[in-house]
Amino acid sequence: MAAVTDDDVERVRALVAAIPVGMVTTYGDLAAAAGLSSPRIVGWIMRTDSADLPWHRVISASGRPPAHLASRQLGRLADEGVPVVDGRVVLRECRWSPA
């Protein structure tokens, strides 16, 4: 993984904080918007520094959350009105694109 700077972390944090209620975005969308080389960098940032952010609004491009978070993440998203079908977020209906 490429070196991650404090500026990288702050860009990702700002983007995650901006995701509107009822919308989701993907790790790849965030990486592109933040100028990062890989969605995995966003994943690393989210694992290490996102407890105070709406982390549940960031999902993989498949629309499926990781198994260990699925119940909690999908529950939070459903509470916000995000469409979920068969354990998968319907991205075409609620995908937010960072500016």
PDB file of N, CA and C in Angstrom:
ATOM      1  N   MET A   1       0.841  -1.174   0.000  1.00  0.00           N
ATOM      2  CA  MET A   1       0.000   0.000   0.000  1.00  0.00           C
ATOM      3  C   MET A   1       0.890   1.242   0.000  1.00  0.00           C
ATOM      4  N   ALA A   2       0.459   2.251  -0.718  1.00  0.00           N
ATOM      5  CA  ALA A   2       1.198   3.513  -0.778  1.00  0.00           C
ATOM      6  C   ALA A   2       1.179   4.190   0.588  1.00  0.00           C
ATOM      7  N   ALA A   3       2.167   5.038   0.821  1.00  0.00           N
ATOM      8  CA  ALA A   3       2.211   5.801   2.070  1.00  0.00           C
ATOM      9  C   ALA A   3       0.970   6.694   2.152  1.00  0.00           C
ATOM     10  N   VAL A   4       0.378   6.742   3.317  1.00  0.00           N
ATOM     11  CA  VAL A   4      -0.828   7.542   3.536  1.00  0.00           C
ATOM     12  C   VAL A   4      -0.445   8.747   4.388  1.00  0.00           C
ATOM     13  N   THR A   5      -0.762   9.921   3.880  1.00  0.00           N
ATOM     14  CA  THR A   5      -0.416  11.151   4.595  1.00  0.00           C
ATOM     15  C   THR A   5      -1.600  11.616   5.446  1.00  0.00           C
ATOM     16  N   ASP A   6      -1.323  12.526   6.343  1.00  0.00           N
ATOM     17  CA  ASP A   6      -2.401  13.129   7.138  1.00  0.00           C
ATOM     18  C   ASP A   6      -3.405  13.834   6.235  1.00  0.00           C
ATOM     19  N   ASP A   7      -2.918  14.453   5.164  1.00  0.00           N
ATOM     20  CA  ASP A   7      -3.818  15.118   4.212  1.00  0.00           C
ATOM     21  C   ASP A   7      -4.753  14.107   3.541  1.00  0.00           C
ATOM     22  N   ASP A   8      -4.226  12.933   3.197  1.00  0.00           N
ATOM     23  CA  ASP A   8      -5.062  11.879   2.610  1.00  0.00           C
ATOM     24  C   ASP A   8      -6.187  11.502   3.570  1.00  0.00           C
ATOM     25  N   VAL A   9      -5.814  11.291   4.821  1.00  0.00           N
ATOM     26  CA  VAL A   9      -6.785  10.906   5.840  1.00  0.00           C
ATOM     27  C   VAL A   9      -7.856  11.983   5.974  1.00  0.00           C
ATOM     28  N   GLU A  10      -7.442  13.225   6.038  1.00  0.00           N
ATOM     29  CA  GLU A  10      -8.409  14.316   6.216  1.00  0.00           C
ATOM     30  C   GLU A  10      -9.312  14.482   5.003  1.00  0.00           C
ATOM     31  N   ARG A  11      -8.788  14.266   3.778  1.00  0.00           N
ATOM     32  CA  ARG A  11      -9.642  14.327   2.581  1.00  0.00           C
ATOM     33  C   ARG A  11     -10.708  13.244   2.626  1.00  0.00           C
ATOM     34  N   VAL A  12     -10.308  12.036   2.970  1.00  0.00           N
ATOM     35  CA  VAL A  12     -11.273  10.933   3.041  1.00  0.00           C
ATOM     36  C   VAL A  12     -12.293  11.205   4.137  1.00  0.00           C
ATOM     37  N   ARG A  13     -11.837  11.642   5.295  1.00  0.00           N
ATOM     38  CA  ARG A  13     -12.760  11.937   6.395  1.00  0.00           C
ATOM     39  C   ARG A  13     -13.782  13.005   5.989  1.00  0.00           C
ATOM     40  N   ALA A  14     -13.338  14.038   5.310  1.00  0.00           N
ATOM     41  CA  ALA A  14     -14.251  15.107   4.878  1.00  0.00           C
ATOM     42  C   ALA A  14     -15.282  14.581   3.884  1.00  0.00           C
ATOM     43  N   LEU A  15     -14.847  13.729   2.976  1.00  0.00           N
ATOM     44  CA  LEU A  15     -15.775  13.156   2.003  1.00  0.00           C
ATOM     45  C   LEU A  15     -16.807  12.263   2.687  1.00  0.00           C
ATOM     46  N   VAL A  16     -16.362  11.419   3.605  1.00  0.00           N
ATOM     47  CA  VAL A  16     -17.299  10.533   4.307  1.00  0.00           C
ATOM     48  C   VAL A  16     -18.294  11.363   5.116  1.00  0.00           C
ATOM     49  N   ALA A  17     -17.817  12.401   5.771  1.00  0.00           N
ATOM     50  CA  ALA A  17     -18.706  13.261   6.558  1.00  0.00           C
ATOM     51  C   ALA A  17     -19.758  13.942   5.687  1.00  0.00           C
ATOM     52  N   ALA A  18     -19.464  14.121   4.402  1.00  0.00           N
ATOM     53  CA  ALA A  18     -20.384  14.813   3.492  1.00  0.00           C
ATOM     54  C   ALA A  18     -21.441  13.911   2.868  1.00  0.00           C
ATOM     55  N   ILE A  19     -21.349  12.604   3.057  1.00  0.00           N
ATOM     56  CA  ILE A  19     -22.334  11.696   2.446  1.00  0.00           C
ATOM     57  C   ILE A  19     -23.695  11.974   3.078  1.00  0.00           C
ATOM     58  N   PRO A  20     -24.694  12.326   2.261  1.00  0.00           N
ATOM     59  CA  PRO A  20     -26.013  12.649   2.815  1.00  0.00           C
ATOM     60  C   PRO A  20     -26.718  11.432   3.418  1.00  0.00           C
ATOM     61  N   VAL A  21     -27.563  11.698   4.374  1.00  0.00           N
ATOM     62  CA  VAL A  21     -28.417  10.653   4.955  1.00  0.00           C
ATOM     63  C   VAL A  21     -29.229  10.028   3.824  1.00  0.00           C
ATOM     64  N   GLY A  22     -29.323   8.706   3.851  1.00  0.00           N
ATOM     65  CA  GLY A  22     -30.098   7.990   2.842  1.00  0.00           C
ATOM     66  C   GLY A  22     -29.330   7.696   1.566  1.00  0.00           C
ATOM     67  N   MET A  23     -28.043   8.034   1.553  1.00  0.00           N
ATOM     68  CA  MET A  23     -27.205   7.793   0.386  1.00  0.00           C
ATOM     69  C   MET A  23     -25.985   6.985   0.814  1.00  0.00           C
ATOM     70  N   VAL A  24     -25.334   6.352  -0.160  1.00  0.00           N
ATOM     71  CA  VAL A  24     -24.091   5.622   0.086  1.00  0.00           C
ATOM     72  C   VAL A  24     -23.110   5.952  -1.017  1.00  0.00           C
ATOM     73  N   THR A  25     -21.858   5.667  -0.777  1.00  0.00           N
ATOM     74  CA  THR A  25     -20.832   5.755  -1.805  1.00  0.00           C
ATOM     75  C   THR A  25     -19.900   4.568  -1.636  1.00  0.00           C
ATOM     76  N   THR A  26     -19.071   4.351  -2.617  1.00  0.00           N
ATOM     77  CA  THR A  26     -18.183   3.189  -2.566  1.00  0.00           C
ATOM     78  C   THR A  26     -16.762   3.604  -2.202  1.00  0.00           C
ATOM     79  N   TYR A  27     -15.982   2.628  -1.781  1.00  0.00           N
ATOM     80  CA  TYR A  27     -14.578   2.864  -1.483  1.00  0.00           C
ATOM     81  C   TYR A  27     -13.866   3.412  -2.726  1.00  0.00           C
ATOM     82  N   GLY A  28     -14.208   2.877  -3.882  1.00  0.00           N
ATOM     83  CA  GLY A  28     -13.595   3.342  -5.126  1.00  0.00           C
ATOM     84  C   GLY A  28     -13.962   4.772  -5.460  1.00  0.00           C
ATOM     85  N   ASP A  29     -15.225   5.137  -5.245  1.00  0.00           N
ATOM     86  CA  ASP A  29     -15.649   6.521  -5.490  1.00  0.00           C
ATOM     87  C   ASP A  29     -14.873   7.478  -4.598  1.00  0.00           C
ATOM     88  N   LEU A  30     -14.706   7.100  -3.337  1.00  0.00           N
ATOM     89  CA  LEU A  30     -13.964   7.949  -2.403  1.00  0.00           C
ATOM     90  C   LEU A  30     -12.493   8.041  -2.791  1.00  0.00           C
ATOM     91  N   ALA A  31     -11.906   6.921  -3.186  1.00  0.00           N
ATOM     92  CA  ALA A  31     -10.497   6.935  -3.591  1.00  0.00           C
ATOM     93  C   ALA A  31     -10.295   7.866  -4.779  1.00  0.00           C
ATOM     94  N   ALA A  32     -11.172   7.783  -5.768  1.00  0.00           N
ATOM     95  CA  ALA A  32     -11.053   8.649  -6.946  1.00  0.00           C
ATOM     96  C   ALA A  32     -11.196  10.113  -6.560  1.00  0.00           C
ATOM     97  N   ALA A  33     -12.183  10.421  -5.740  1.00  0.00           N
ATOM     98  CA  ALA A  33     -12.424  11.808  -5.341  1.00  0.00           C
ATOM     99  C   ALA A  33     -11.287  12.365  -4.497  1.00  0.00           C
ATOM    100  N   ALA A  34     -10.641  11.509  -3.714  1.00  0.00           N
ATOM    101  CA  ALA A  34      -9.556  11.948  -2.835  1.00  0.00           C
ATOM    102  C   ALA A  34      -8.191  11.901  -3.524  1.00  0.00           C
ATOM    103  N   GLY A  35      -8.169  11.413  -4.775  1.00  0.00           N
ATOM    104  CA  GLY A  35      -6.905  11.329  -5.499  1.00  0.00           C
ATOM    105  C   GLY A  35      -5.998  10.225  -5.012  1.00  0.00           C
ATOM    106  N   LEU A  36      -6.595   9.158  -4.499  1.00  0.00           N
ATOM    107  CA  LEU A  36      -5.815   8.024  -3.987  1.00  0.00           C
ATOM    108  C   LEU A  36      -5.730   6.935  -5.047  1.00  0.00           C
ATOM    109  N   SER A  37      -4.703   6.134  -4.976  1.00  0.00           N
ATOM    110  CA  SER A  37      -4.446   5.133  -6.008  1.00  0.00           C
ATOM    111  C   SER A  37      -5.278   3.873  -5.882  1.00  0.00           C
ATOM    112  N   SER A  38      -5.915   3.655  -4.725  1.00  0.00           N
ATOM    113  CA  SER A  38      -6.624   2.395  -4.524  1.00  0.00           C
ATOM    114  C   SER A  38      -7.752   2.533  -3.508  1.00  0.00           C
ATOM    115  N   PRO A  39      -8.868   1.846  -3.755  1.00  0.00           N
ATOM    116  CA  PRO A  39      -9.933   1.798  -2.750  1.00  0.00           C
ATOM    117  C   PRO A  39      -9.466   1.179  -1.434  1.00  0.00           C
ATOM    118  N   ARG A  40      -8.444   0.348  -1.497  1.00  0.00           N
ATOM    119  CA  ARG A  40      -7.924  -0.287  -0.282  1.00  0.00           C
ATOM    120  C   ARG A  40      -7.364   0.740   0.701  1.00  0.00           C
ATOM    121  N   ILE A  41      -6.840   1.840   0.162  1.00  0.00           N
ATOM    122  CA  ILE A  41      -6.341   2.896   1.041  1.00  0.00           C
ATOM    123  C   ILE A  41      -7.505   3.503   1.819  1.00  0.00           C
ATOM    124  N   VAL A  42      -8.614   3.715   1.134  1.00  0.00           N
ATOM    125  CA  VAL A  42      -9.814   4.221   1.814  1.00  0.00           C
ATOM    126  C   VAL A  42     -10.257   3.229   2.878  1.00  0.00           C
ATOM    127  N   GLY A  43     -10.235   1.950   2.552  1.00  0.00           N
ATOM    128  CA  GLY A  43     -10.604   0.920   3.527  1.00  0.00           C
ATOM    129  C   GLY A  43      -9.714   0.972   4.756  1.00  0.00           C
ATOM    130  N   TRP A  44      -8.421   1.150   4.543  1.00  0.00           N
ATOM    131  CA  TRP A  44      -7.489   1.237   5.667  1.00  0.00           C
ATOM    132  C   TRP A  44      -7.800   2.465   6.525  1.00  0.00           C
ATOM    133  N   ILE A  45      -8.035   3.593   5.881  1.00  0.00           N
ATOM    134  CA  ILE A  45      -8.380   4.807   6.623  1.00  0.00           C
ATOM    135  C   ILE A  45      -9.667   4.597   7.406  1.00  0.00           C
ATOM    136  N   MET A  46     -10.653   3.985   6.781  1.00  0.00           N
ATOM    137  CA  MET A  46     -11.935   3.750   7.451  1.00  0.00           C
ATOM    138  C   MET A  46     -11.768   2.819   8.653  1.00  0.00           C
ATOM    139  N   ARG A  47     -10.913   1.820   8.535  1.00  0.00           N
ATOM    140  CA  ARG A  47     -10.688   0.900   9.658  1.00  0.00           C
ATOM    141  C   ARG A  47     -10.000   1.578  10.825  1.00  0.00           C
ATOM    142  N   THR A  48      -9.156   2.552  10.528  1.00  0.00           N
ATOM    143  CA  THR A  48      -8.340   3.150  11.584  1.00  0.00           C
ATOM    144  C   THR A  48      -8.854   4.480  12.111  1.00  0.00           C
ATOM    145  N   ASP A  49      -9.731   5.166  11.358  1.00  0.00           N
ATOM    146  CA  ASP A  49     -10.097   6.524  11.762  1.00  0.00           C
ATOM    147  C   ASP A  49     -11.478   6.934  11.251  1.00  0.00           C
ATOM    148  N   SER A  50     -12.523   6.209  11.665  1.00  0.00           N
ATOM    149  CA  SER A  50     -13.849   6.590  11.186  1.00  0.00           C
ATOM    150  C   SER A  50     -14.951   6.413  12.225  1.00  0.00           C
ATOM    151  N   ALA A  51     -14.595   6.155  13.452  1.00  0.00           N
ATOM    152  CA  ALA A  51     -15.610   5.889  14.478  1.00  0.00           C
ATOM    153  C   ALA A  51     -16.581   7.046  14.654  1.00  0.00           C
ATOM    154  N   ASP A  52     -16.129   8.270  14.404  1.00  0.00           N
ATOM    155  CA  ASP A  52     -16.988   9.438  14.583  1.00  0.00           C
ATOM    156  C   ASP A  52     -17.652   9.887  13.280  1.00  0.00           C
ATOM    157  N   LEU A  53     -17.571   9.059  12.246  1.00  0.00           N
ATOM    158  CA  LEU A  53     -18.126   9.389  10.932  1.00  0.00           C
ATOM    159  C   LEU A  53     -19.277   8.445  10.581  1.00  0.00           C
ATOM    160  N   PRO A  54     -20.075   8.794   9.576  1.00  0.00           N
ATOM    161  CA  PRO A  54     -21.127   7.875   9.121  1.00  0.00           C
ATOM    162  C   PRO A  54     -20.526   6.747   8.260  1.00  0.00           C
ATOM    163  N   TRP A  55     -19.694   5.946   8.891  1.00  0.00           N
ATOM    164  CA  TRP A  55     -18.965   4.867   8.226  1.00  0.00           C
ATOM    165  C   TRP A  55     -19.885   3.910   7.487  1.00  0.00           C
ATOM    166  N   HIS A  56     -21.098   3.764   8.005  1.00  0.00           N
ATOM    167  CA  HIS A  56     -22.037   2.794   7.429  1.00  0.00           C
ATOM    168  C   HIS A  56     -22.488   3.193   6.021  1.00  0.00           C
ATOM    169  N   ARG A  57     -22.240   4.429   5.612  1.00  0.00           N
ATOM    170  CA  ARG A  57     -22.633   4.896   4.277  1.00  0.00           C
ATOM    171  C   ARG A  57     -21.578   4.603   3.216  1.00  0.00           C
ATOM    172  N   VAL A  58     -20.508   3.915   3.596  1.00  0.00           N
ATOM    173  CA  VAL A  58     -19.462   3.528   2.646  1.00  0.00           C
ATOM    174  C   VAL A  58     -19.562   2.021   2.450  1.00  0.00           C
ATOM    175  N   ILE A  59     -19.689   1.610   1.196  1.00  0.00           N
ATOM    176  CA  ILE A  59     -19.963   0.203   0.885  1.00  0.00           C
ATOM    177  C   ILE A  59     -19.076  -0.226  -0.283  1.00  0.00           C
ATOM    178  N   SER A  60     -18.887  -1.506  -0.425  1.00  0.00           N
ATOM    179  CA  SER A  60     -18.119  -2.001  -1.572  1.00  0.00           C
ATOM    180  C   SER A  60     -18.943  -1.818  -2.848  1.00  0.00           C
ATOM    181  N   ALA A  61     -18.282  -1.862  -3.977  1.00  0.00           N
ATOM    182  CA  ALA A  61     -18.956  -1.692  -5.264  1.00  0.00           C
ATOM    183  C   ALA A  61     -19.986  -2.787  -5.529  1.00  0.00           C
ATOM    184  N   SER A  62     -19.875  -3.906  -4.832  1.00  0.00           N
ATOM    185  CA  SER A  62     -20.857  -4.985  -4.992  1.00  0.00           C
ATOM    186  C   SER A  62     -22.166  -4.677  -4.272  1.00  0.00           C
ATOM    187  N   GLY A  63     -22.121  -3.699  -3.360  1.00  0.00           N
ATOM    188  CA  GLY A  63     -23.305  -3.373  -2.564  1.00  0.00           C
ATOM    189  C   GLY A  63     -23.448  -4.215  -1.317  1.00  0.00           C
ATOM    190  N   ARG A  64     -22.539  -5.164  -1.137  1.00  0.00           N
ATOM    191  CA  ARG A  64     -22.590  -6.036   0.040  1.00  0.00           C
ATOM    192  C   ARG A  64     -21.585  -5.570   1.091  1.00  0.00           C
ATOM    193  N   PRO A  65     -22.033  -5.458   2.325  1.00  0.00           N
ATOM    194  CA  PRO A  65     -21.083  -5.114   3.392  1.00  0.00           C
ATOM    195  C   PRO A  65     -20.281  -6.347   3.796  1.00  0.00           C
ATOM    196  N   PRO A  66     -19.175  -6.132   4.494  1.00  0.00           N
ATOM    197  CA  PRO A  66     -18.417  -7.295   4.980  1.00  0.00           C
ATOM    198  C   PRO A  66     -19.269  -8.081   5.976  1.00  0.00           C
ATOM    199  N   ALA A  67     -19.085  -9.382   5.995  1.00  0.00           N
ATOM    200  CA  ALA A  67     -19.921 -10.269   6.813  1.00  0.00           C
ATOM    201  C   ALA A  67     -19.952  -9.854   8.284  1.00  0.00           C
ATOM    202  N   HIS A  68     -18.817  -9.441   8.826  1.00  0.00           N
ATOM    203  CA  HIS A  68     -18.771  -9.113  10.249  1.00  0.00           C
ATOM    204  C   HIS A  68     -19.516  -7.819  10.593  1.00  0.00           C
ATOM    205  N   LEU A  69     -19.854  -7.012   9.593  1.00  0.00           N
ATOM    206  CA  LEU A  69     -20.598  -5.761   9.822  1.00  0.00           C
ATOM    207  C   LEU A  69     -21.991  -5.767   9.207  1.00  0.00           C
ATOM    208  N   ALA A  70     -22.320  -6.810   8.467  1.00  0.00           N
ATOM    209  CA  ALA A  70     -23.527  -6.809   7.639  1.00  0.00           C
ATOM    210  C   ALA A  70     -24.785  -6.436   8.411  1.00  0.00           C
ATOM    211  N   SER A  71     -25.055  -7.078   9.507  1.00  0.00           N
ATOM    212  CA  SER A  71     -26.291  -6.819  10.240  1.00  0.00           C
ATOM    213  C   SER A  71     -26.355  -5.380  10.734  1.00  0.00           C
ATOM    214  N   ARG A  72     -25.281  -4.916  11.341  1.00  0.00           N
ATOM    215  CA  ARG A  72     -25.259  -3.559  11.893  1.00  0.00           C
ATOM    216  C   ARG A  72     -25.301  -2.503  10.786  1.00  0.00           C
ATOM    217  N   GLN A  73     -24.503  -2.709   9.729  1.00  0.00           N
ATOM    218  CA  GLN A  73     -24.442  -1.717   8.659  1.00  0.00           C
ATOM    219  C   GLN A  73     -25.751  -1.658   7.876  1.00  0.00           C
ATOM    220  N   LEU A  74     -26.280  -2.805   7.500  1.00  0.00           N
ATOM    221  CA  LEU A  74     -27.532  -2.808   6.743  1.00  0.00           C
ATOM    222  C   LEU A  74     -28.691  -2.284   7.585  1.00  0.00           C
ATOM    223  N   GLY A  75     -28.670  -2.551   8.880  1.00  0.00           N
ATOM    224  CA  GLY A  75     -29.704  -2.020   9.759  1.00  0.00           C
ATOM    225  C   GLY A  75     -29.682  -0.505   9.806  1.00  0.00           C
ATOM    226  N   ARG A  76     -28.490   0.062   9.944  1.00  0.00           N
ATOM    227  CA  ARG A  76     -28.369   1.529   9.968  1.00  0.00           C
ATOM    228  C   ARG A  76     -28.806   2.125   8.640  1.00  0.00           C
ATOM    229  N   LEU A  77     -28.395   1.505   7.552  1.00  0.00           N
ATOM    230  CA  LEU A  77     -28.773   2.022   6.244  1.00  0.00           C
ATOM    231  C   LEU A  77     -30.281   1.929   6.021  1.00  0.00           C
ATOM    232  N   ALA A  78     -30.872   0.815   6.409  1.00  0.00           N
ATOM    233  CA  ALA A  78     -32.325   0.670   6.264  1.00  0.00           C
ATOM    234  C   ALA A  78     -33.062   1.722   7.086  1.00  0.00           C
ATOM    235  N   ASP A  79     -32.546   2.023   8.271  1.00  0.00           N
ATOM    236  CA  ASP A  79     -33.147   3.072   9.104  1.00  0.00           C
ATOM    237  C   ASP A  79     -33.123   4.425   8.415  1.00  0.00           C
ATOM    238  N   GLU A  80     -32.156   4.638   7.533  1.00  0.00           N
ATOM    239  CA  GLU A  80     -32.039   5.897   6.795  1.00  0.00           C
ATOM    240  C   GLU A  80     -32.809   5.872   5.477  1.00  0.00           C
ATOM    241  N   GLY A  81     -33.450   4.747   5.172  1.00  0.00           N
ATOM    242  CA  GLY A  81     -34.222   4.657   3.939  1.00  0.00           C
ATOM    243  C   GLY A  81     -33.445   4.166   2.735  1.00  0.00           C
ATOM    244  N   VAL A  82     -32.246   3.653   2.947  1.00  0.00           N
ATOM    245  CA  VAL A  82     -31.444   3.116   1.853  1.00  0.00           C
ATOM    246  C   VAL A  82     -32.062   1.782   1.424  1.00  0.00           C
ATOM    247  N   PRO A  83     -32.312   1.615   0.118  1.00  0.00           N
ATOM    248  CA  PRO A  83     -32.905   0.353  -0.341  1.00  0.00           C
ATOM    249  C   PRO A  83     -31.920  -0.812  -0.239  1.00  0.00           C
ATOM    250  N   VAL A  84     -32.367  -1.858   0.417  1.00  0.00           N
ATOM    251  CA  VAL A  84     -31.572  -3.071   0.597  1.00  0.00           C
ATOM    252  C   VAL A  84     -32.419  -4.245   0.146  1.00  0.00           C
ATOM    253  N   VAL A  85     -31.871  -5.060  -0.752  1.00  0.00           N
ATOM    254  CA  VAL A  85     -32.576  -6.242  -1.245  1.00  0.00           C
ATOM    255  C   VAL A  85     -31.632  -7.435  -1.107  1.00  0.00           C
ATOM    256  N   ASP A  86     -32.088  -8.462  -0.427  1.00  0.00           N
ATOM    257  CA  ASP A  86     -31.309  -9.688  -0.250  1.00  0.00           C
ATOM    258  C   ASP A  86     -29.905  -9.408   0.283  1.00  0.00           C
ATOM    259  N   GLY A  87     -29.808  -8.522   1.267  1.00  0.00           N
ATOM    260  CA  GLY A  87     -28.539  -8.241   1.900  1.00  0.00           C
ATOM    261  C   GLY A  87     -27.587  -7.387   1.089  1.00  0.00           C
ATOM    262  N   ARG A  88     -28.121  -6.729   0.076  1.00  0.00           N
ATOM    263  CA  ARG A  88     -27.289  -5.905  -0.798  1.00  0.00           C
ATOM    264  C   ARG A  88     -27.938  -4.537  -0.981  1.00  0.00           C
ATOM    265  N   VAL A  89     -27.131  -3.489  -0.881  1.00  0.00           N
ATOM    266  CA  VAL A  89     -27.613  -2.133  -1.127  1.00  0.00           C
ATOM    267  C   VAL A  89     -27.857  -1.975  -2.629  1.00  0.00           C
ATOM    268  N   VAL A  90     -28.982  -1.388  -2.983  1.00  0.00           N
ATOM    269  CA  VAL A  90     -29.320  -1.145  -4.386  1.00  0.00           C
ATOM    270  C   VAL A  90     -28.650   0.179  -4.783  1.00  0.00           C
ATOM    271  N   LEU A  91     -27.416   0.085  -5.224  1.00  0.00           N
ATOM    272  CA  LEU A  91     -26.599   1.266  -5.479  1.00  0.00           C
ATOM    273  C   LEU A  91     -27.205   2.196  -6.520  1.00  0.00           C
ATOM    274  N   ARG A  92     -27.847   1.664  -7.536  1.00  0.00           N
ATOM    275  CA  ARG A  92     -28.378   2.529  -8.597  1.00  0.00           C
ATOM    276  C   ARG A  92     -29.450   3.479  -8.079  1.00  0.00           C
ATOM    277  N   GLU A  93     -30.002   3.191  -6.902  1.00  0.00           N
ATOM    278  CA  GLU A  93     -31.046   4.039  -6.337  1.00  0.00           C
ATOM    279  C   GLU A  93     -30.545   5.021  -5.273  1.00  0.00           C
ATOM    280  N   CYS A  94     -29.325   4.821  -4.785  1.00  0.00           N
ATOM    281  CA  CYS A  94     -28.901   5.658  -3.650  1.00  0.00           C
ATOM    282  C   CYS A  94     -27.412   5.995  -3.654  1.00  0.00           C
ATOM    283  N   ARG A  95     -26.772   5.844  -4.789  1.00  0.00           N
ATOM    284  CA  ARG A  95     -25.322   6.091  -4.850  1.00  0.00           C
ATOM    285  C   ARG A  95     -25.043   7.583  -4.942  1.00  0.00           C
ATOM    286  N   TRP A  96     -24.222   8.069  -4.029  1.00  0.00           N
ATOM    287  CA  TRP A  96     -23.807   9.467  -4.000  1.00  0.00           C
ATOM    288  C   TRP A  96     -22.411   9.558  -4.576  1.00  0.00           C
ATOM    289  N   SER A  97     -22.217  10.511  -5.456  1.00  0.00           N
ATOM    290  CA  SER A  97     -20.894  10.703  -6.059  1.00  0.00           C
ATOM    291  C   SER A  97     -20.236  11.930  -5.451  1.00  0.00           C
ATOM    292  N   PRO A  98     -19.085  11.737  -4.835  1.00  0.00           N
ATOM    293  CA  PRO A  98     -18.372  12.894  -4.271  1.00  0.00           C
ATOM    294  C   PRO A  98     -17.974  13.863  -5.376  1.00  0.00           C
ATOM    295  N   ALA A  99     -17.967  15.136  -5.047  1.00  0.00           N
ATOM    296  CA  ALA A  99     -17.594  16.163  -6.038  1.00  0.00           C
ATOM    297  C   ALA A  99     -16.115  16.112  -6.352  1.00  0.00           C
TER     298      ALA A  99
END
